Amino acid sequence: MPDALQEVTKAAMDLPLAQRLALARLLMDTADDVEDSDAEAAWDVEIRERIRAIDEGREIGIPWEDVMREAKERRAR
């Protein structure tokens, strides 16, 4: 790890939890600003294929309520 990164990391780890979380949010928000055109194109293709599969009856959707109920059950375990 480069020296500057080590210094920043150590300083960040010495912050109180709330400030570390605020820093993490800030860093994550700046990562959202970076566009990956290859990834965007791949997701566009994937989304179109999923819609086509549902429209053609090759896939069946799951009702939102069922998905949420199963997620809550898994979290409870």
Protein backbone atom coordinates (compact mmCIF):
# COMPACT_ATOMS: atom_id res chain seq x y z
CA MET A 1 0.00 0.00 0.00
CA PRO A 2 1.46 3.40 -0.90
CA ASP A 3 2.56 5.54 2.07
CA ALA A 4 -0.07 8.23 1.46
CA LEU A 5 -2.84 5.64 1.40
CA GLN A 6 -1.54 4.06 4.61
CA GLU A 7 -1.54 7.44 6.32
CA VAL A 8 -5.05 8.29 5.18
CA THR A 9 -6.29 4.84 6.18
CA LYS A 10 -4.78 5.10 9.65
CA ALA A 11 -6.23 8.58 10.12
CA ALA A 12 -9.64 7.38 8.95
CA MET A 13 -9.58 4.39 11.30
CA ASP A 14 -8.88 6.74 14.22
CA LEU A 15 -12.10 8.68 13.54
CA PRO A 16 -15.23 8.05 15.60
CA LEU A 17 -17.63 5.56 14.02
CA ALA A 18 -20.10 8.18 12.76
CA GLN A 19 -17.34 10.06 10.97
CA ARG A 20 -15.91 6.84 9.48
CA LEU A 21 -19.35 5.99 8.13
CA ALA A 22 -19.77 9.49 6.71
CA LEU A 23 -16.38 9.16 5.00
CA ALA A 24 -17.34 5.74 3.63
CA ARG A 25 -20.60 7.19 2.24
CA LEU A 26 -18.70 10.05 0.64
CA LEU A 27 -16.23 7.67 -0.99
CA MET A 28 -19.02 5.38 -2.21
CA ASP A 29 -20.91 8.34 -3.64
CA THR A 30 -17.87 9.42 -5.63
CA ALA A 31 -17.53 5.88 -6.98
CA ASP A 32 -21.07 6.17 -8.36
CA ASP A 33 -19.91 9.09 -10.48
CA VAL A 34 -17.61 6.83 -12.50
CA GLU A 35 -19.37 5.42 -15.53
CA ASP A 36 -18.47 2.03 -16.91
CA SER A 37 -19.92 2.06 -20.42
CA ASP A 38 -19.16 -1.65 -20.90
CA ALA A 39 -21.05 -2.52 -17.75
CA GLU A 40 -23.95 -0.25 -18.72
CA ALA A 41 -24.16 -1.89 -22.14
CA ALA A 42 -24.00 -5.37 -20.61
CA TRP A 43 -26.82 -4.52 -18.18
CA ASP A 44 -28.93 -3.14 -21.04
CA VAL A 45 -28.52 -6.43 -22.91
CA GLU A 46 -29.26 -8.46 -19.76
CA ILE A 47 -32.39 -6.45 -18.94
CA ARG A 48 -33.72 -6.77 -22.50
CA GLU A 49 -33.10 -10.54 -22.44
CA ARG A 50 -34.86 -10.94 -19.10
CA ILE A 51 -37.88 -8.98 -20.35
CA ARG A 52 -37.95 -11.05 -23.55
CA ALA A 53 -37.79 -14.30 -21.52
CA ILE A 54 -40.76 -13.20 -19.40
CA ASP A 55 -42.73 -12.01 -22.45
CA GLU A 56 -42.10 -15.33 -24.22
CA GLY A 57 -43.04 -17.39 -21.15
CA ARG A 58 -39.57 -18.87 -20.68
CA GLU A 59 -39.36 -17.29 -17.23
CA ILE A 60 -42.00 -16.63 -14.60
CA GLY A 61 -41.77 -13.71 -12.22
CA ILE A 62 -42.08 -13.97 -8.46
CA PRO A 63 -44.54 -11.66 -6.72
CA TRP A 64 -42.88 -8.89 -4.67
CA GLU A 65 -44.70 -9.99 -1.52
CA ASP A 66 -43.26 -13.52 -1.84
CA VAL A 67 -39.74 -12.21 -2.35
CA MET A 68 -39.98 -9.94 0.69
CA ARG A 69 -41.50 -12.69 2.86
CA GLU A 70 -38.69 -15.08 1.93
CA ALA A 71 -36.06 -12.41 2.60
CA LYS A 72 -37.52 -11.75 6.06
CA GLU A 73 -37.58 -15.48 6.79
CA ARG A 74 -33.94 -15.86 5.75
CA ARG A 75 -32.88 -12.90 7.88
CA ALA A 76 -34.70 -14.38 10.88
CA ARG A 77 -32.64 -17.59 10.67
